């Protein structure tokens, strides 16, 4: 065991016992126990319990999305399933009492605290792993040295975790990304499942399962609550935090990533420039950019812009969406692209809440819908944009099937009911469909349902809030099916 200079061993043992109350009473803290579980929990937990694969689980994600709570819920489930509570260990590495200790030193302390001689059969949870220098090498060593011990680690600096676990943990780590809340999860956490019920929608002349609502106005009210405050579980239930998003969310989530995590990881010197650049992107979420336009409007050099976009995307703050033309073909040279916040409530935290009648409500709705799709990391979503002589057009979301080199489907995101009666104004959408042999497309509305045909293309109209809800539901079901495959 290492020499613990400065802080007495007993004080560290006291901290460990405090962090692991189940060693004494076989239960996690009541405050965690009564919290509703994120729907992602049932996907995450089997990775925790499975000891057949000798890998550590690296739980990654942005700040404040509920990673620590997810770990405590996993511990609670282990205890419920009669695992020995004294063989379940949680260590919050960000606590300064563990300074100068390596992972193995902490495990030695844990064994001393529970009076065990070895780690066989232990479940070890390390929280905020990125605060430990060289964590990936140490964790890999533990996985190799203790094959009968399950290690689960979490960290908020998604960029650092992705980079380091990918480089040093090959074959030893399984990454699990926990994104911000989907609208589906938001409704679940608030106990508002009564607002939706099973239904169907006609798409391409075929009835498919699709949740609908008996009170779309009330659901839309919650949808905008979600846009403004719904990305983080803690914010959903706190009016105090909602009243001062800048203080509680921006300072704790955005600022720590921009002012600390990214600069320390990538050696960024001009932190204020990065901060201004992200603010510029956040305010204009959903807008089409070009490097030339960003250079002019943000006063940041092109090469620096490319790096900042890469860093911010790695930190799971933004998603860059690339363009295809009217034939769904990509461009050899990137001239234009769109940038979306991964969580629309980040914009509220930085500026002000958006209302359904605001001019920028449409961009926020589009951002929210894209953020639901971002939970499906394997999908290659694009947007279409073209200019042909005097004509030009755009389609908001296009999914490319790379096996057949053509689009599988496309969606036009509207925050308006007008287009269901004015389908001729959707000529860009129907033109794109005709060019790419798509017989159908989906268009979102505020509250209207319906089906129309324009230029031989079947258009299905559904409320945006319900479309967002359905994406979240389908995503979790598919993740569960993949897990059980």
Protein backbone atom coordinates (compact mmCIF):
# COMPACT_ATOMS: atom_id res chain seq x y z
CA UNK A 1 0.00 0.00 0.00
CA UNK A 2 1.23 3.49 -0.83
CA UNK A 3 2.35 5.92 1.86
CA UNK A 4 -0.51 8.35 2.47
CA UNK A 5 1.16 11.64 3.28
CA UNK A 6 -0.83 14.44 4.83
CA UNK A 7 -4.23 12.81 5.26
CA UNK A 8 -4.59 10.08 7.92
CA UNK A 9 -5.69 6.69 6.65
CA UNK A 10 -8.55 6.63 9.15
CA UNK A 11 -10.03 9.79 7.64
CA UNK A 12 -10.02 8.17 4.23
CA UNK A 13 -11.62 5.05 5.67
CA UNK A 14 -14.32 7.23 7.24
CA UNK A 15 -15.00 8.79 3.84
CA UNK A 16 -15.26 5.37 2.22
CA UNK A 17 -17.73 4.19 4.84
CA UNK A 18 -19.77 7.37 4.33
CA UNK A 19 -19.86 6.83 0.54
CA UNK A 20 -20.88 3.19 1.01
CA UNK A 21 -23.72 3.17 3.57
CA UNK A 22 -24.88 -0.25 2.34
CA UNK A 23 -21.85 -1.78 4.07
CA UNK A 24 -23.71 -1.09 7.31
CA UNK A 25 -27.42 -1.12 6.48
CA UNK A 26 -27.62 -2.92 3.08
CA UNK A 27 -29.30 0.04 1.39
CA UNK A 28 -28.35 3.06 -0.71
CA UNK A 29 -29.38 6.50 0.55
CA UNK A 30 -33.12 7.08 0.51
CA UNK A 31 -32.77 10.22 -1.60
CA UNK A 32 -31.36 8.10 -4.45
CA UNK A 33 -33.71 5.20 -3.81
CA UNK A 34 -36.87 7.28 -4.34
CA UNK A 35 -35.64 8.86 -7.59
CA UNK A 36 -37.32 7.57 -10.72
CA UNK A 37 -34.91 5.57 -12.83
CA UNK A 38 -33.96 6.83 -16.26
CA UNK A 39 -35.27 4.50 -18.95
CA UNK A 40 -31.65 3.94 -19.95
CA UNK A 41 -31.15 2.09 -16.66
CA UNK A 42 -32.60 -1.19 -17.95
CA UNK A 43 -30.15 -1.07 -20.85
CA UNK A 44 -27.18 -0.16 -18.66
CA UNK A 45 -27.70 -2.59 -15.77
CA UNK A 46 -27.09 -5.87 -17.69
CA UNK A 47 -23.61 -4.59 -18.57
CA UNK A 48 -22.97 -4.06 -14.86
CA UNK A 49 -24.15 -7.48 -13.73
CA UNK A 50 -22.51 -9.45 -16.54
CA UNK A 51 -19.23 -10.91 -15.29
CA UNK A 52 -18.72 -13.30 -18.20
CA UNK A 53 -16.95 -10.58 -20.21
CA UNK A 54 -13.73 -9.41 -18.55
CA UNK A 55 -14.12 -5.74 -19.34
CA UNK A 56 -14.62 -2.55 -17.38
CA UNK A 57 -17.71 -0.49 -18.15
CA UNK A 58 -16.90 3.14 -18.94
CA UNK A 59 -20.06 5.19 -18.42
CA UNK A 60 -19.56 8.35 -20.45
CA UNK A 61 -21.68 11.42 -20.98
CA UNK A 62 -22.06 15.15 -20.50
CA UNK A 63 -22.24 16.67 -17.05
CA UNK A 64 -25.45 16.38 -15.01
CA UNK A 65 -27.21 13.76 -17.12
CA UNK A 66 -27.47 11.36 -14.16
CA UNK A 67 -24.42 9.11 -14.41
CA UNK A 68 -23.80 8.99 -10.64
CA UNK A 69 -27.48 8.32 -9.96
CA UNK A 70 -27.42 5.54 -12.56
CA UNK A 71 -24.53 3.94 -10.67
CA UNK A 72 -26.38 4.13 -7.36
CA UNK A 73 -29.47 2.61 -8.95
CA UNK A 74 -27.26 -0.22 -10.25
CA UNK A 75 -25.89 -0.73 -6.74
CA UNK A 76 -29.45 -0.79 -5.40
CA UNK A 77 -30.41 -3.48 -7.94
CA UNK A 78 -27.36 -5.58 -7.02
CA UNK A 79 -28.33 -5.42 -3.35
CA UNK A 80 -31.94 -6.32 -4.19
CA UNK A 81 -30.64 -9.36 -6.06
CA UNK A 82 -28.82 -10.51 -2.91
CA UNK A 83 -25.25 -9.64 -3.85
CA UNK A 84 -23.08 -9.18 -0.77
CA UNK A 85 -23.29 -5.41 0.05
CA UNK A 86 -19.77 -5.50 1.47
CA UNK A 87 -18.51 -6.57 -1.93
CA UNK A 88 -19.95 -3.48 -3.60
CA UNK A 89 -17.67 -0.45 -3.45
CA UNK A 90 -18.29 3.13 -4.63
CA UNK A 91 -15.47 5.70 -4.72
CA UNK A 92 -15.93 9.32 -5.82
CA UNK A 93 -12.51 10.14 -7.23
CA UNK A 94 -13.22 13.88 -7.43
CA UNK A 95 -13.14 14.09 -3.63
CA UNK A 96 -9.83 15.70 -2.56
CA UNK A 97 -9.46 13.24 0.32
CA UNK A 98 -8.19 10.69 -2.22
CA UNK A 99 -5.49 12.98 -3.57
CA UNK A 100 -2.20 11.24 -4.47
CA UNK A 101 -3.86 7.81 -4.45
CA UNK A 102 -3.97 5.46 -7.41
CA UNK A 103 -6.88 3.14 -8.14
CA UNK A 104 -5.15 0.19 -6.48
CA UNK A 105 -4.43 2.26 -3.36
CA UNK A 106 -8.14 3.04 -3.11
CA UNK A 107 -9.02 -0.63 -3.47
CA UNK A 108 -6.59 -1.51 -0.68
CA UNK A 109 -8.38 1.01 1.53
CA UNK A 110 -11.75 -0.49 0.61
CA UNK A 111 -10.59 -3.99 1.54
CA UNK A 112 -9.36 -2.64 4.87
CA UNK A 113 -12.70 -0.88 5.46
CA UNK A 114 -14.79 -4.03 4.90
CA UNK A 115 -12.19 -6.41 6.38
CA UNK A 116 -11.89 -8.52 3.24
CA UNK A 117 -8.72 -10.20 2.05
CA UNK A 118 -9.27 -10.16 -1.73
CA UNK A 119 -11.41 -8.55 -4.45
CA UNK A 120 -12.94 -11.73 -5.87
CA UNK A 121 -16.63 -11.18 -6.53
CA UNK A 122 -16.46 -7.41 -5.95
CA UNK A 123 -18.33 -4.77 -7.94
CA UNK A 124 -16.24 -1.61 -7.89
CA UNK A 125 -17.67 1.77 -8.99
CA UNK A 126 -15.26 4.66 -9.63
CA UNK A 127 -17.07 7.96 -10.15
CA UNK A 128 -15.54 10.94 -12.04
CA UNK A 129 -12.60 8.86 -13.24
CA UNK A 130 -11.19 11.65 -15.42
CA UNK A 131 -9.90 13.46 -12.32
CA UNK A 132 -7.25 10.77 -11.95
CA UNK A 133 -4.19 11.18 -14.13
CA UNK A 134 -3.36 8.15 -16.24
CA UNK A 135 -6.65 6.52 -15.24
CA UNK A 136 -6.97 4.43 -18.39
CA UNK A 137 -3.64 2.64 -17.87
CA UNK A 138 -4.45 2.00 -14.20
CA UNK A 139 -7.93 0.70 -15.01
CA UNK A 140 -6.63 -1.59 -17.74
CA UNK A 141 -4.12 -3.00 -15.25
CA UNK A 142 -6.88 -3.68 -12.71
CA UNK A 143 -9.02 -5.48 -15.30
CA UNK A 144 -6.07 -7.72 -16.16
CA UNK A 145 -5.01 -8.31 -12.57
CA UNK A 146 -8.48 -8.96 -11.07
CA UNK A 147 -10.47 -11.04 -13.60
CA UNK A 148 -13.08 -11.94 -10.98
CA UNK A 149 -13.86 -8.30 -10.16
CA UNK A 150 -16.26 -6.07 -12.13
CA UNK A 151 -15.19 -2.45 -12.60
CA UNK A 152 -17.62 0.30 -13.56
CA UNK A 153 -16.31 3.84 -14.00
CA UNK A 154 -17.97 7.11 -14.94
CA UNK A 155 -16.76 10.48 -16.08
CA UNK A 156 -18.18 13.76 -17.26
CA UNK A 157 -15.39 14.84 -19.58
CA UNK A 158 -16.73 12.86 -22.51
CA UNK A 159 -14.00 14.08 -24.82
CA UNK A 160 -11.22 12.86 -22.53
CA UNK A 161 -12.94 9.56 -21.86
CA UNK A 162 -13.59 8.84 -25.52
CA UNK A 163 -10.06 9.64 -26.55
CA UNK A 164 -8.26 7.91 -23.71
CA UNK A 165 -10.44 4.82 -23.42
CA UNK A 166 -10.23 4.32 -27.17
CA UNK A 167 -6.45 4.52 -27.20
CA UNK A 168 -5.56 2.64 -24.05
CA UNK A 169 -8.50 0.40 -23.24
CA UNK A 170 -8.87 -1.61 -26.42
CA UNK A 171 -10.22 -5.01 -25.48
CA UNK A 172 -10.54 -4.05 -21.82
CA UNK A 173 -13.25 -1.36 -21.79
CA UNK A 174 -16.86 -1.27 -22.93
CA UNK A 175 -18.06 2.29 -23.47
CA UNK A 176 -21.65 3.19 -22.56
CA UNK A 177 -22.85 6.65 -23.56
CA UNK A 178 -25.55 8.28 -21.40
CA UNK A 179 -26.96 11.24 -23.33
CA UNK A 180 -29.24 14.01 -22.05
CA UNK A 181 -32.86 13.07 -21.50
CA UNK A 182 -35.05 12.23 -24.47
CA UNK A 183 -38.54 13.74 -24.51
CA UNK A 184 -39.80 10.19 -23.96
CA UNK A 185 -37.73 9.92 -20.76
CA UNK A 186 -38.79 13.41 -19.66
CA UNK A 187 -42.46 12.41 -19.84
CA UNK A 188 -41.66 9.20 -17.94
CA UNK A 189 -39.70 10.95 -15.18
CA UNK A 190 -42.49 13.46 -14.63
CA UNK A 191 -45.08 10.70 -14.43
CA UNK A 192 -47.05 12.10 -17.38
CA UNK A 193 -47.38 8.89 -19.37
CA UNK A 194 -51.15 9.45 -19.35
CA UNK A 195 -50.63 12.17 -21.96
CA UNK A 196 -49.77 9.56 -24.60
CA UNK A 197 -51.35 6.31 -25.68
CA UNK A 198 -50.81 3.65 -28.29
CA UNK A 199 -52.00 4.58 -31.74
CA UNK A 200 -51.17 4.38 -35.43
CA UNK A 201 -50.12 6.63 -38.24
CA UNK A 202 -50.46 6.05 -41.97
CA UNK A 203 -47.07 6.29 -43.66
CA UNK A 204 -46.62 5.38 -47.30
CA UNK A 205 -50.15 3.95 -47.36
CA UNK A 206 -49.33 1.59 -44.47
CA UNK A 207 -50.50 1.76 -40.86
CA UNK A 208 -47.56 1.71 -38.43
CA UNK A 209 -47.56 1.89 -34.60
CA UNK A 210 -47.21 5.46 -33.39
CA UNK A 211 -48.00 6.99 -30.00
CA UNK A 212 -50.62 9.74 -30.09
CA UNK A 213 -52.17 12.03 -27.49
CA UNK A 214 -55.69 12.82 -26.33
CA UNK A 215 -54.50 16.29 -25.28
CA UNK A 216 -51.94 17.59 -27.75
CA UNK A 217 -52.08 21.10 -26.28
CA UNK A 218 -50.99 19.84 -22.87
CA UNK A 219 -48.31 17.67 -24.48
CA UNK A 220 -47.03 20.70 -26.42
CA UNK A 221 -46.85 22.62 -23.16
CA UNK A 222 -44.62 19.89 -21.73
CA UNK A 223 -42.66 19.76 -24.99
CA UNK A 224 -41.62 23.38 -24.58
CA UNK A 225 -40.82 22.77 -20.93
CA UNK A 226 -38.56 20.02 -22.23
CA UNK A 227 -36.99 22.32 -24.84
CA UNK A 228 -36.15 24.85 -22.17
CA UNK A 229 -35.46 22.74 -19.08
CA UNK A 230 -35.70 19.05 -19.93
CA UNK A 231 -32.24 17.82 -20.81
CA UNK A 232 -31.07 17.18 -17.26
CA UNK A 233 -32.97 15.15 -14.61
CA UNK A 234 -32.01 17.54 -11.82
CA UNK A 235 -33.44 20.54 -13.69
CA UNK A 236 -36.72 18.80 -14.55
CA UNK A 237 -37.77 18.68 -10.89
CA UNK A 238 -36.36 21.98 -9.63
CA UNK A 239 -38.18 25.28 -10.18
CA UNK A 240 -35.29 26.98 -8.39
CA UNK A 241 -32.81 25.79 -11.02
CA UNK A 242 -35.24 26.61 -13.84
CA UNK A 243 -35.53 30.18 -12.56
CA UNK A 244 -31.76 30.68 -12.83
CA UNK A 245 -30.52 28.36 -15.57
CA UNK A 246 -27.49 30.53 -16.20
CA UNK A 247 -26.20 30.02 -12.69
CA UNK A 248 -27.06 26.38 -12.13
CA UNK A 249 -26.69 24.90 -15.62
CA UNK A 250 -24.38 27.12 -17.62
CA UNK A 251 -21.83 27.51 -14.84
CA UNK A 252 -21.87 23.83 -13.89
CA UNK A 253 -22.12 22.25 -17.33
CA UNK A 254 -21.03 24.58 -20.10
CA UNK A 255 -18.41 26.62 -18.29
CA UNK A 256 -16.66 23.63 -16.74
CA UNK A 257 -16.38 21.97 -20.13
CA UNK A 258 -15.29 25.11 -21.97
CA UNK A 259 -13.08 26.64 -19.30
CA UNK A 260 -11.57 23.50 -17.78
CA UNK A 261 -12.12 20.16 -19.53
CA UNK A 262 -11.38 21.10 -23.13
CA UNK A 263 -8.48 23.49 -22.41
CA UNK A 264 -6.74 20.91 -20.22
CA UNK A 265 -7.31 18.13 -22.74
CA UNK A 266 -6.39 19.96 -25.94
CA UNK A 267 -4.11 22.71 -24.68
CA UNK A 268 -6.44 25.52 -25.75
CA UNK A 269 -4.92 28.86 -24.84
CA UNK A 270 -7.62 31.36 -25.80
CA UNK A 271 -10.41 30.10 -23.56
CA UNK A 272 -12.54 33.21 -24.02
CA UNK A 273 -12.46 32.78 -27.79
CA UNK A 274 -13.74 29.20 -27.42
CA UNK A 275 -16.44 30.45 -25.04
CA UNK A 276 -17.57 33.14 -27.49
CA UNK A 277 -17.51 30.67 -30.38
CA UNK A 278 -19.72 28.18 -28.55
CA UNK A 279 -22.13 30.96 -27.55
CA UNK A 280 -22.36 31.95 -31.21
CA UNK A 281 -23.15 28.38 -32.25
CA UNK A 282 -25.65 27.87 -29.43
CA UNK A 283 -27.62 31.00 -30.28
CA UNK A 284 -27.81 29.90 -33.93
CA UNK A 285 -28.52 26.20 -33.34
CA UNK A 286 -30.08 24.59 -36.41
CA UNK A 287 -28.73 27.20 -38.77
CA UNK A 288 -26.68 26.46 -41.88
CA UNK A 289 -23.08 27.66 -41.67
CA UNK A 290 -20.10 27.93 -43.96
CA UNK A 291 -16.52 28.38 -42.82
CA UNK A 292 -16.40 31.74 -44.55
CA UNK A 293 -19.56 32.90 -42.81
CA UNK A 294 -18.39 31.75 -39.39
CA UNK A 295 -15.01 33.42 -39.89
CA UNK A 296 -16.75 36.68 -40.69
CA UNK A 297 -19.35 36.56 -37.92
CA UNK A 298 -17.25 35.07 -35.12
CA UNK A 299 -13.83 36.54 -36.00
CA UNK A 300 -12.24 33.08 -35.57
CA UNK A 301 -9.77 31.69 -38.11
CA UNK A 302 -10.84 28.78 -40.34
CA UNK A 303 -8.30 26.25 -39.03
CA UNK A 304 -9.24 27.14 -35.45
CA UNK A 305 -12.95 26.79 -36.28
CA UNK A 306 -12.36 23.25 -37.52
CA UNK A 307 -10.58 22.34 -34.29
CA UNK A 308 -13.24 23.96 -32.09
CA UNK A 309 -16.02 22.11 -33.91
CA UNK A 310 -14.16 18.84 -33.40
CA UNK A 311 -13.56 19.52 -29.69
CA UNK A 312 -17.13 20.64 -28.98
CA UNK A 313 -18.55 17.62 -30.78
CA UNK A 314 -16.24 15.27 -28.87
CA UNK A 315 -17.47 16.87 -25.64
CA UNK A 316 -21.06 16.08 -26.72
CA UNK A 317 -22.12 19.73 -26.72
CA UNK A 318 -22.84 19.99 -30.46
CA UNK A 319 -23.49 17.79 -33.47
CA UNK A 320 -22.31 18.80 -36.94
CA UNK A 321 -24.62 17.65 -39.75
CA UNK A 322 -23.30 17.57 -43.29
CA UNK A 323 -25.06 18.35 -46.53
CA UNK A 324 -26.11 16.29 -49.54
CA UNK A 325 -27.47 17.58 -52.82
CA UNK A 326 -30.84 17.02 -54.52
CA UNK A 327 -29.68 13.52 -55.52
CA UNK A 328 -28.58 12.70 -51.96
CA UNK A 329 -24.92 12.84 -52.99
CA UNK A 330 -22.29 14.22 -50.66
CA UNK A 331 -19.84 16.95 -51.54
CA UNK A 332 -16.10 16.37 -51.98
CA UNK A 333 -15.40 19.75 -50.44
CA UNK A 334 -17.29 20.80 -47.32
CA UNK A 335 -18.74 24.21 -48.10
CA UNK A 336 -21.76 24.25 -45.80
CA UNK A 337 -23.06 22.36 -42.77
CA UNK A 338 -25.50 22.69 -39.90
CA UNK A 339 -24.69 22.71 -36.20
CA UNK A 340 -27.15 21.56 -33.54
CA UNK A 341 -26.88 21.61 -29.77
CA UNK A 342 -27.10 18.08 -28.42
CA UNK A 343 -29.57 19.37 -25.87
CA UNK A 344 -31.89 22.33 -26.62
CA UNK A 345 -32.04 23.43 -22.98
CA UNK A 346 -28.39 24.48 -23.23
CA UNK A 347 -29.58 27.45 -25.27
CA UNK A 348 -32.03 28.45 -22.55
CA UNK A 349 -29.24 28.22 -19.98
CA UNK A 350 -27.10 30.58 -22.01
CA UNK A 351 -29.75 33.02 -23.21
CA UNK A 352 -33.46 32.86 -22.34
CA UNK A 353 -36.42 30.46 -22.56
CA UNK A 354 -38.09 30.08 -25.94
CA UNK A 355 -41.86 30.34 -26.31
CA UNK A 356 -44.04 28.57 -28.93
CA UNK A 357 -44.78 31.88 -30.68
CA UNK A 358 -41.15 33.07 -30.85
CA UNK A 359 -39.42 33.45 -34.20
CA UNK A 360 -36.71 30.99 -33.19
CA UNK A 361 -39.17 28.35 -31.92
CA UNK A 362 -38.85 26.43 -35.19
CA UNK A 363 -35.07 26.10 -34.87
CA UNK A 364 -35.43 24.95 -31.27
CA UNK A 365 -38.01 22.32 -32.27
CA UNK A 366 -35.69 21.16 -35.05
CA UNK A 367 -32.81 21.02 -32.55
CA UNK A 368 -34.93 18.99 -30.15
CA UNK A 369 -35.88 16.48 -32.83
CA UNK A 370 -32.28 16.12 -33.97
CA UNK A 371 -31.23 15.63 -30.35
CA UNK A 372 -33.59 12.63 -30.13
CA UNK A 373 -31.94 11.07 -33.18
CA UNK A 374 -28.47 11.69 -31.72
CA UNK A 375 -29.12 8.85 -29.28
CA UNK A 376 -28.76 6.55 -32.29
CA UNK A 377 -25.03 7.04 -32.82
CA UNK A 378 -24.85 4.63 -35.75
CA UNK A 379 -27.26 6.63 -37.95
CA UNK A 380 -25.69 8.87 -40.57
CA UNK A 381 -28.13 11.76 -40.71
CA UNK A 382 -27.72 14.51 -43.28
CA UNK A 383 -29.71 17.46 -44.55
CA UNK A 384 -30.29 18.19 -48.22
CA UNK A 385 -29.72 21.56 -49.82
CA UNK A 386 -29.30 22.54 -53.46
CA UNK A 387 -29.40 25.33 -55.99
CA UNK A 388 -30.28 24.58 -59.60
CA UNK A 389 -30.39 27.65 -61.75
CA UNK A 390 -33.06 29.83 -60.23
CA UNK A 391 -34.50 27.08 -58.10
CA UNK A 392 -33.26 26.03 -54.71
CA UNK A 393 -34.48 23.81 -51.93
CA UNK A 394 -33.77 22.12 -48.63
CA UNK A 395 -34.91 19.07 -46.64
CA UNK A 396 -34.23 19.06 -42.91
CA UNK A 397 -33.40 15.41 -42.18
CA UNK A 398 -32.23 12.72 -44.58
CA UNK A 399 -31.06 9.25 -43.59
CA UNK A 400 -28.56 7.81 -46.07
CA UNK A 401 -28.38 4.06 -46.64
CA UNK A 402 -24.70 3.54 -47.43
CA UNK A 403 -25.29 -0.03 -48.54
CA UNK A 404 -27.38 1.13 -51.48
CA UNK A 405 -26.06 4.71 -51.69
CA UNK A 406 -29.48 6.31 -51.50
CA UNK A 407 -31.77 7.88 -48.89
CA UNK A 408 -33.97 5.59 -46.79
CA UNK A 409 -36.31 8.33 -45.60
CA UNK A 410 -36.57 12.07 -45.09
CA UNK A 411 -38.38 14.43 -42.71
CA UNK A 412 -39.31 18.09 -42.93
CA UNK A 413 -39.49 19.68 -39.47
CA UNK A 414 -42.10 22.43 -39.28
CA UNK A 415 -43.54 24.23 -36.27
CA UNK A 416 -46.73 25.22 -38.08
CA UNK A 417 -50.10 23.73 -39.04
CA UNK A 418 -50.35 25.59 -42.33
CA UNK A 419 -48.60 23.08 -44.59
CA UNK A 420 -51.21 20.37 -44.20
CA UNK A 421 -53.53 22.59 -46.27
CA UNK A 422 -50.80 24.26 -48.33
CA UNK A 423 -48.85 21.24 -49.52
CA UNK A 424 -47.72 23.10 -52.63
CA UNK A 425 -45.34 25.00 -50.32
CA UNK A 426 -43.55 21.69 -49.70
CA UNK A 427 -42.38 21.43 -53.29
CA UNK A 428 -38.70 21.17 -52.23
CA UNK A 429 -39.54 18.10 -50.16
CA UNK A 430 -41.55 16.41 -52.87
CA UNK A 431 -38.93 17.28 -55.50
CA UNK A 432 -36.24 15.60 -53.38
CA UNK A 433 -38.44 12.54 -52.92
CA UNK A 434 -39.11 12.30 -56.66
CA UNK A 435 -35.41 12.66 -57.46
CA UNK A 436 -34.58 9.80 -55.10
CA UNK A 437 -37.50 7.43 -55.71
CA UNK A 438 -38.97 8.01 -52.27
CA UNK A 439 -42.72 7.47 -52.31
CA UNK A 440 -43.37 9.06 -48.92
CA UNK A 441 -42.08 11.64 -46.44
CA UNK A 442 -43.01 12.88 -42.99
CA UNK A 443 -43.78 16.48 -42.04
CA UNK A 444 -44.15 17.72 -38.48
CA UNK A 445 -46.82 20.17 -37.33
CA UNK A 446 -47.86 21.91 -34.13
CA UNK A 447 -50.99 19.86 -33.49
CA UNK A 448 -52.50 18.59 -36.76
CA UNK A 449 -52.59 15.04 -38.11
CA UNK A 450 -53.30 14.02 -41.65
CA UNK A 451 -52.21 12.59 -44.98
CA UNK A 452 -51.88 14.40 -48.27
CA UNK A 453 -50.46 13.63 -51.69
CA UNK A 454 -48.42 16.14 -53.65
CA UNK A 455 -46.56 15.42 -56.88
CA UNK A 456 -47.29 11.70 -56.34
CA UNK A 457 -45.54 11.74 -52.95
CA UNK A 458 -47.47 10.60 -49.86
CA UNK A 459 -47.00 13.11 -47.04
CA UNK A 460 -47.76 12.13 -43.45
CA UNK A 461 -48.33 15.02 -41.02
CA UNK A 462 -47.78 14.44 -37.29
CA UNK A 463 -47.30 16.81 -34.31
CA UNK A 464 -43.63 17.54 -33.61
CA UNK A 465 -43.94 16.68 -29.90
CA UNK A 466 -45.31 13.23 -30.70
CA UNK A 467 -42.67 12.64 -33.36
CA UNK A 468 -39.96 13.45 -30.79
CA UNK A 469 -41.61 11.15 -28.23
CA UNK A 470 -41.80 8.28 -30.72
CA UNK A 471 -38.13 8.62 -31.70
CA UNK A 472 -37.14 8.24 -28.04
CA UNK A 473 -39.39 5.22 -27.56
CA UNK A 474 -38.13 3.46 -30.69
CA UNK A 475 -34.50 4.23 -29.83
CA UNK A 476 -34.71 2.59 -26.41
CA UNK A 477 -36.54 -0.42 -27.80
CA UNK A 478 -33.89 -0.92 -30.47
CA UNK A 479 -31.07 -0.53 -27.96
CA UNK A 480 -32.76 -3.16 -25.79
CA UNK A 481 -33.18 -5.51 -28.76
CA UNK A 482 -29.52 -5.07 -29.66
CA UNK A 483 -28.56 -5.88 -26.06
CA UNK A 484 -30.65 -9.05 -26.07
CA UNK A 485 -29.42 -10.20 -29.48
